[in-house]
Amino acid sequence: MPKRTTTDETPLTPEQRLAPENLDLLRACIVTIPDVETVRECAAYENAHQNREPVLRQLAQQAAELRSE
């Protein structure tokens, strides 16, 4: 059986983070973003692809929380 890697070893791409249609799962993917740079990448991806306002608001909130830490 192949060895599985953790998300620490292979971080999720913006596409992987923003793919879930389930709002709770999507929210979980956003709140686990570890840094502002990743939030920016996810926001750029979202703007270019689906441009969902609720998702962009959650990304902005996550960026604000990361900046305040």
PDB file of N, CA and C in Angstrom:
ATOM      1  N   MET A   1       0.847  -1.178   0.000  1.00  0.00           N
ATOM      2  CA  MET A   1       0.000   0.000   0.000  1.00  0.00           C
ATOM      3  C   MET A   1       0.892   1.241   0.000  1.00  0.00           C
ATOM      4  N   PRO A   2       0.621   2.237  -0.863  1.00  0.00           N
ATOM      5  CA  PRO A   2       1.471   3.425  -0.920  1.00  0.00           C
ATOM      6  C   PRO A   2       1.332   4.270   0.336  1.00  0.00           C
ATOM      7  N   LYS A   3       2.424   4.917   0.676  1.00  0.00           N
ATOM      8  CA  LYS A   3       2.428   5.789   1.846  1.00  0.00           C
ATOM      9  C   LYS A   3       1.642   7.057   1.533  1.00  0.00           C
ATOM     10  N   ARG A   4       0.770   7.438   2.450  1.00  0.00           N
ATOM     11  CA  ARG A   4       0.002   8.669   2.271  1.00  0.00           C
ATOM     12  C   ARG A   4       0.768   9.828   2.877  1.00  0.00           C
ATOM     13  N   THR A   5       0.657  10.974   2.250  1.00  0.00           N
ATOM     14  CA  THR A   5       1.300  12.163   2.794  1.00  0.00           C
ATOM     15  C   THR A   5       0.259  13.020   3.485  1.00  0.00           C
ATOM     16  N   THR A   6       0.701  13.824   4.422  1.00  0.00           N
ATOM     17  CA  THR A   6      -0.213  14.723   5.115  1.00  0.00           C
ATOM     18  C   THR A   6      -0.306  16.033   4.357  1.00  0.00           C
ATOM     19  N   THR A   7      -1.291  16.844   4.729  1.00  0.00           N
ATOM     20  CA  THR A   7      -1.428  18.137   4.071  1.00  0.00           C
ATOM     21  C   THR A   7      -0.268  19.055   4.423  1.00  0.00           C
ATOM     22  N   ASP A   8       0.440  18.765   5.526  1.00  0.00           N
ATOM     23  CA  ASP A   8       1.614  19.562   5.867  1.00  0.00           C
ATOM     24  C   ASP A   8       2.716  19.373   4.827  1.00  0.00           C
ATOM     25  N   GLU A   9       2.797  18.171   4.266  1.00  0.00           N
ATOM     26  CA  GLU A   9       3.824  17.886   3.273  1.00  0.00           C
ATOM     27  C   GLU A   9       3.405  18.354   1.885  1.00  0.00           C
ATOM     28  N   THR A  10       2.136  18.289   1.589  1.00  0.00           N
ATOM     29  CA  THR A  10       1.624  18.712   0.289  1.00  0.00           C
ATOM     30  C   THR A  10       0.416  19.617   0.516  1.00  0.00           C
ATOM     31  N   PRO A  11       0.643  20.914   0.606  1.00  0.00           N
ATOM     32  CA  PRO A  11      -0.467  21.831   0.876  1.00  0.00           C
ATOM     33  C   PRO A  11      -1.495  21.819  -0.256  1.00  0.00           C
ATOM     34  N   LEU A  12      -2.724  22.117   0.103  1.00  0.00           N
ATOM     35  CA  LEU A  12      -3.795  22.173  -0.882  1.00  0.00           C
ATOM     36  C   LEU A  12      -3.610  23.367  -1.810  1.00  0.00           C
ATOM     37  N   THR A  13      -3.958  23.167  -3.052  1.00  0.00           N
ATOM     38  CA  THR A  13      -3.939  24.267  -4.014  1.00  0.00           C
ATOM     39  C   THR A  13      -5.214  25.090  -3.827  1.00  0.00           C
ATOM     40  N   PRO A  14      -5.253  26.324  -4.343  1.00  0.00           N
ATOM     41  CA  PRO A  14      -6.502  27.088  -4.277  1.00  0.00           C
ATOM     42  C   PRO A  14      -7.674  26.323  -4.909  1.00  0.00           C
ATOM     43  N   GLU A  15      -7.422  25.642  -6.007  1.00  0.00           N
ATOM     44  CA  GLU A  15      -8.482  24.869  -6.661  1.00  0.00           C
ATOM     45  C   GLU A  15      -9.023  23.788  -5.730  1.00  0.00           C
ATOM     46  N   GLN A  16      -8.133  23.090  -5.023  1.00  0.00           N
ATOM     47  CA  GLN A  16      -8.567  22.052  -4.095  1.00  0.00           C
ATOM     48  C   GLN A  16      -9.317  22.647  -2.906  1.00  0.00           C
ATOM     49  N   ARG A  17      -8.849  23.772  -2.387  1.00  0.00           N
ATOM     50  CA  ARG A  17      -9.504  24.399  -1.239  1.00  0.00           C
ATOM     51  C   ARG A  17     -10.905  24.897  -1.569  1.00  0.00           C
ATOM     52  N   LEU A  18     -11.098  25.396  -2.782  1.00  0.00           N
ATOM     53  CA  LEU A  18     -12.360  26.047  -3.131  1.00  0.00           C
ATOM     54  C   LEU A  18     -13.293  25.166  -3.949  1.00  0.00           C
ATOM     55  N   ALA A  19     -12.958  23.898  -4.131  1.00  0.00           N
ATOM     56  CA  ALA A  19     -13.775  22.995  -4.932  1.00  0.00           C
ATOM     57  C   ALA A  19     -15.069  22.547  -4.252  1.00  0.00           C
ATOM     58  N   PRO A  20     -15.089  22.347  -2.937  1.00  0.00           N
ATOM     59  CA  PRO A  20     -16.310  21.802  -2.326  1.00  0.00           C
ATOM     60  C   PRO A  20     -17.527  22.699  -2.554  1.00  0.00           C
ATOM     61  N   GLU A  21     -18.639  22.068  -2.881  1.00  0.00           N
ATOM     62  CA  GLU A  21     -19.898  22.797  -3.030  1.00  0.00           C
ATOM     63  C   GLU A  21     -20.610  22.897  -1.684  1.00  0.00           C
ATOM     64  N   ASN A  22     -20.316  21.968  -0.779  1.00  0.00           N
ATOM     65  CA  ASN A  22     -20.905  21.982   0.553  1.00  0.00           C
ATOM     66  C   ASN A  22     -20.340  23.167   1.324  1.00  0.00           C
ATOM     67  N   LEU A  23     -21.216  24.046   1.802  1.00  0.00           N
ATOM     68  CA  LEU A  23     -20.783  25.282   2.446  1.00  0.00           C
ATOM     69  C   LEU A  23     -19.951  25.031   3.705  1.00  0.00           C
ATOM     70  N   ASP A  24     -20.336  24.029   4.506  1.00  0.00           N
ATOM     71  CA  ASP A  24     -19.579  23.742   5.726  1.00  0.00           C
ATOM     72  C   ASP A  24     -18.176  23.241   5.404  1.00  0.00           C
ATOM     73  N   LEU A  25     -18.060  22.388   4.416  1.00  0.00           N
ATOM     74  CA  LEU A  25     -16.746  21.878   4.017  1.00  0.00           C
ATOM     75  C   LEU A  25     -15.899  22.992   3.412  1.00  0.00           C
ATOM     76  N   LEU A  26     -16.517  23.829   2.626  1.00  0.00           N
ATOM     77  CA  LEU A  26     -15.813  24.969   2.037  1.00  0.00           C
ATOM     78  C   LEU A  26     -15.302  25.906   3.125  1.00  0.00           C
ATOM     79  N   ARG A  27     -16.144  26.174   4.118  1.00  0.00           N
ATOM     80  CA  ARG A  27     -15.748  27.033   5.238  1.00  0.00           C
ATOM     81  C   ARG A  27     -14.553  26.420   5.984  1.00  0.00           C
ATOM     82  N   ALA A  28     -14.591  25.103   6.183  1.00  0.00           N
ATOM     83  CA  ALA A  28     -13.479  24.426   6.856  1.00  0.00           C
ATOM     84  C   ALA A  28     -12.187  24.558   6.055  1.00  0.00           C
ATOM     85  N   CYS A  29     -12.288  24.474   4.753  1.00  0.00           N
ATOM     86  CA  CYS A  29     -11.099  24.632   3.906  1.00  0.00           C
ATOM     87  C   CYS A  29     -10.532  26.042   4.014  1.00  0.00           C
ATOM     88  N   ILE A  30     -11.400  27.023   4.168  1.00  0.00           N
ATOM     89  CA  ILE A  30     -10.943  28.412   4.242  1.00  0.00           C
ATOM     90  C   ILE A  30     -10.323  28.720   5.599  1.00  0.00           C
ATOM     91  N   VAL A  31     -10.947  28.273   6.688  1.00  0.00           N
ATOM     92  CA  VAL A  31     -10.420  28.623   8.015  1.00  0.00           C
ATOM     93  C   VAL A  31      -9.110  27.917   8.333  1.00  0.00           C
ATOM     94  N   THR A  32      -8.758  26.916   7.558  1.00  0.00           N
ATOM     95  CA  THR A  32      -7.476  26.242   7.782  1.00  0.00           C
ATOM     96  C   THR A  32      -6.353  26.804   6.916  1.00  0.00           C
ATOM     97  N   ILE A  33      -6.625  27.874   6.186  1.00  0.00           N
ATOM     98  CA  ILE A  33      -5.572  28.516   5.394  1.00  0.00           C
ATOM     99  C   ILE A  33      -4.561  29.113   6.370  1.00  0.00           C
ATOM    100  N   PRO A  34      -3.288  28.759   6.223  1.00  0.00           N
ATOM    101  CA  PRO A  34      -2.299  29.122   7.239  1.00  0.00           C
ATOM    102  C   PRO A  34      -1.676  30.509   7.127  1.00  0.00           C
ATOM    103  N   ASP A  35      -1.792  31.169   5.960  1.00  0.00           N
ATOM    104  CA  ASP A  35      -1.111  32.458   5.812  1.00  0.00           C
ATOM    105  C   ASP A  35      -1.837  33.349   4.809  1.00  0.00           C
ATOM    106  N   VAL A  36      -1.528  34.634   4.875  1.00  0.00           N
ATOM    107  CA  VAL A  36      -2.193  35.630   4.033  1.00  0.00           C
ATOM    108  C   VAL A  36      -1.889  35.398   2.554  1.00  0.00           C
ATOM    109  N   GLU A  37      -0.693  34.973   2.237  1.00  0.00           N
ATOM    110  CA  GLU A  37      -0.330  34.729   0.834  1.00  0.00           C
ATOM    111  C   GLU A  37      -1.239  33.660   0.217  1.00  0.00           C
ATOM    112  N   THR A  38      -1.523  32.610   0.956  1.00  0.00           N
ATOM    113  CA  THR A  38      -2.415  31.563   0.457  1.00  0.00           C
ATOM    114  C   THR A  38      -3.832  32.097   0.294  1.00  0.00           C
ATOM    115  N   VAL A  39      -4.263  32.962   1.215  1.00  0.00           N
ATOM    116  CA  VAL A  39      -5.585  33.587   1.085  1.00  0.00           C
ATOM    117  C   VAL A  39      -5.636  34.397  -0.211  1.00  0.00           C
ATOM    118  N   ARG A  40      -4.588  35.138  -0.495  1.00  0.00           N
ATOM    119  CA  ARG A  40      -4.534  35.935  -1.739  1.00  0.00           C
ATOM    120  C   ARG A  40      -4.624  35.038  -2.974  1.00  0.00           C
ATOM    121  N   GLU A  41      -3.896  33.931  -2.947  1.00  0.00           N
ATOM    122  CA  GLU A  41      -3.934  32.998  -4.072  1.00  0.00           C
ATOM    123  C   GLU A  41      -5.339  32.428  -4.255  1.00  0.00           C
ATOM    124  N   CYS A  42      -5.983  32.104  -3.143  1.00  0.00           N
ATOM    125  CA  CYS A  42      -7.344  31.557  -3.209  1.00  0.00           C
ATOM    126  C   CYS A  42      -8.332  32.607  -3.712  1.00  0.00           C
ATOM    127  N   ALA A  43      -8.174  33.845  -3.267  1.00  0.00           N
ATOM    128  CA  ALA A  43      -9.061  34.924  -3.721  1.00  0.00           C
ATOM    129  C   ALA A  43      -8.883  35.159  -5.223  1.00  0.00           C
ATOM    130  N   ALA A  44      -7.651  35.137  -5.688  1.00  0.00           N
ATOM    131  CA  ALA A  44      -7.397  35.314  -7.120  1.00  0.00           C
ATOM    132  C   ALA A  44      -8.025  34.177  -7.917  1.00  0.00           C
ATOM    133  N   TYR A  45      -7.881  32.962  -7.415  1.00  0.00           N
ATOM    134  CA  TYR A  45      -8.479  31.807  -8.089  1.00  0.00           C
ATOM    135  C   TYR A  45     -10.000  31.943  -8.126  1.00  0.00           C
ATOM    136  N   GLU A  46     -10.589  32.308  -6.994  1.00  0.00           N
ATOM    137  CA  GLU A  46     -12.046  32.442  -6.915  1.00  0.00           C
ATOM    138  C   GLU A  46     -12.540  33.537  -7.856  1.00  0.00           C
ATOM    139  N   ASN A  47     -11.856  34.666  -7.896  1.00  0.00           N
ATOM    140  CA  ASN A  47     -12.236  35.755  -8.803  1.00  0.00           C
ATOM    141  C   ASN A  47     -12.191  35.314 -10.261  1.00  0.00           C
ATOM    142  N   ALA A  48     -11.208  34.521 -10.606  1.00  0.00           N
ATOM    143  CA  ALA A  48     -11.035  34.101 -11.992  1.00  0.00           C
ATOM    144  C   ALA A  48     -11.995  32.989 -12.410  1.00  0.00           C
ATOM    145  N   HIS A  49     -12.513  32.250 -11.449  1.00  0.00           N
ATOM    146  CA  HIS A  49     -13.307  31.082 -11.818  1.00  0.00           C
ATOM    147  C   HIS A  49     -14.786  31.211 -11.470  1.00  0.00           C
ATOM    148  N   GLN A  50     -15.141  31.198 -10.189  1.00  0.00           N
ATOM    149  CA  GLN A  50     -16.562  31.187  -9.843  1.00  0.00           C
ATOM    150  C   GLN A  50     -17.065  32.521  -9.310  1.00  0.00           C
ATOM    151  N   ASN A  51     -16.174  33.313  -8.725  1.00  0.00           N
ATOM    152  CA  ASN A  51     -16.519  34.649  -8.242  1.00  0.00           C
ATOM    153  C   ASN A  51     -17.738  34.654  -7.314  1.00  0.00           C
ATOM    154  N   ARG A  52     -17.762  33.725  -6.343  1.00  0.00           N
ATOM    155  CA  ARG A  52     -18.869  33.635  -5.387  1.00  0.00           C
ATOM    156  C   ARG A  52     -18.633  34.635  -4.266  1.00  0.00           C
ATOM    157  N   GLU A  53     -19.547  35.568  -4.103  1.00  0.00           N
ATOM    158  CA  GLU A  53     -19.416  36.617  -3.083  1.00  0.00           C
ATOM    159  C   GLU A  53     -19.257  36.055  -1.669  1.00  0.00           C
ATOM    160  N   PRO A  54     -20.059  35.060  -1.249  1.00  0.00           N
ATOM    161  CA  PRO A  54     -19.878  34.534   0.115  1.00  0.00           C
ATOM    162  C   PRO A  54     -18.480  33.955   0.345  1.00  0.00           C
ATOM    163  N   VAL A  55     -17.933  33.313  -0.667  1.00  0.00           N
ATOM    164  CA  VAL A  55     -16.590  32.734  -0.551  1.00  0.00           C
ATOM    165  C   VAL A  55     -15.555  33.848  -0.444  1.00  0.00           C
ATOM    166  N   LEU A  56     -15.693  34.871  -1.252  1.00  0.00           N
ATOM    167  CA  LEU A  56     -14.753  35.997  -1.198  1.00  0.00           C
ATOM    168  C   LEU A  56     -14.822  36.705   0.153  1.00  0.00           C
ATOM    169  N   ARG A  57     -16.028  36.825   0.727  1.00  0.00           N
ATOM    170  CA  ARG A  57     -16.160  37.432   2.061  1.00  0.00           C
ATOM    171  C   ARG A  57     -15.466  36.583   3.119  1.00  0.00           C
ATOM    172  N   GLN A  58     -15.630  35.257   3.033  1.00  0.00           N
ATOM    173  CA  GLN A  58     -14.965  34.371   3.990  1.00  0.00           C
ATOM    174  C   GLN A  58     -13.449  34.447   3.852  1.00  0.00           C
ATOM    175  N   LEU A  59     -12.967  34.554   2.632  1.00  0.00           N
ATOM    176  CA  LEU A  59     -11.526  34.699   2.417  1.00  0.00           C
ATOM    177  C   LEU A  59     -11.023  36.016   3.008  1.00  0.00           C
ATOM    178  N   ALA A  60     -11.783  37.084   2.834  1.00  0.00           N
ATOM    179  CA  ALA A  60     -11.399  38.380   3.403  1.00  0.00           C
ATOM    180  C   ALA A  60     -11.378  38.315   4.925  1.00  0.00           C
ATOM    181  N   GLN A  61     -12.348  37.629   5.498  1.00  0.00           N
ATOM    182  CA  GLN A  61     -12.391  37.483   6.954  1.00  0.00           C
ATOM    183  C   GLN A  61     -11.192  36.677   7.446  1.00  0.00           C
ATOM    184  N   GLN A  62     -10.840  35.617   6.739  1.00  0.00           N
ATOM    185  CA  GLN A  62      -9.685  34.807   7.132  1.00  0.00           C
ATOM    186  C   GLN A  62      -8.401  35.628   7.039  1.00  0.00           C
ATOM    187  N   ALA A  63      -8.266  36.432   6.009  1.00  0.00           N
ATOM    188  CA  ALA A  63      -7.080  37.286   5.873  1.00  0.00           C
ATOM    189  C   ALA A  63      -6.996  38.268   7.030  1.00  0.00           C
ATOM    190  N   ALA A  64      -8.121  38.858   7.407  1.00  0.00           N
ATOM    191  CA  ALA A  64      -8.138  39.805   8.526  1.00  0.00           C
ATOM    192  C   ALA A  64      -7.744  39.120   9.827  1.00  0.00           C
ATOM    193  N   GLU A  65      -8.239  37.914  10.038  1.00  0.00           N
ATOM    194  CA  GLU A  65      -7.885  37.175  11.251  1.00  0.00           C
ATOM    195  C   GLU A  65      -6.396  36.842  11.276  1.00  0.00           C
ATOM    196  N   LEU A  66      -5.849  36.446  10.139  1.00  0.00           N
ATOM    197  CA  LEU A  66      -4.423  36.121  10.081  1.00  0.00           C
ATOM    198  C   LEU A  66      -3.564  37.359  10.323  1.00  0.00           C
ATOM    199  N   ARG A  67      -3.988  38.494   9.797  1.00  0.00           N
ATOM    200  CA  ARG A  67      -3.223  39.731  10.006  1.00  0.00           C
ATOM    201  C   ARG A  67      -3.248  40.166  11.466  1.00  0.00           C
ATOM    202  N   SER A  68      -4.344  39.890  12.170  1.00  0.00           N
ATOM    203  CA  SER A  68      -4.467  40.327  13.564  1.00  0.00           C
ATOM    204  C   SER A  68      -3.686  39.436  14.531  1.00  0.00           C
ATOM    205  N   GLU A  69      -3.230  38.286  14.064  1.00  0.00           N
ATOM    206  CA  GLU A  69      -2.479  37.371  14.941  1.00  0.00           C
ATOM    207  C   GLU A  69      -1.066  37.841  15.167  1.00  0.00           C
TER     208      GLU A  69
END
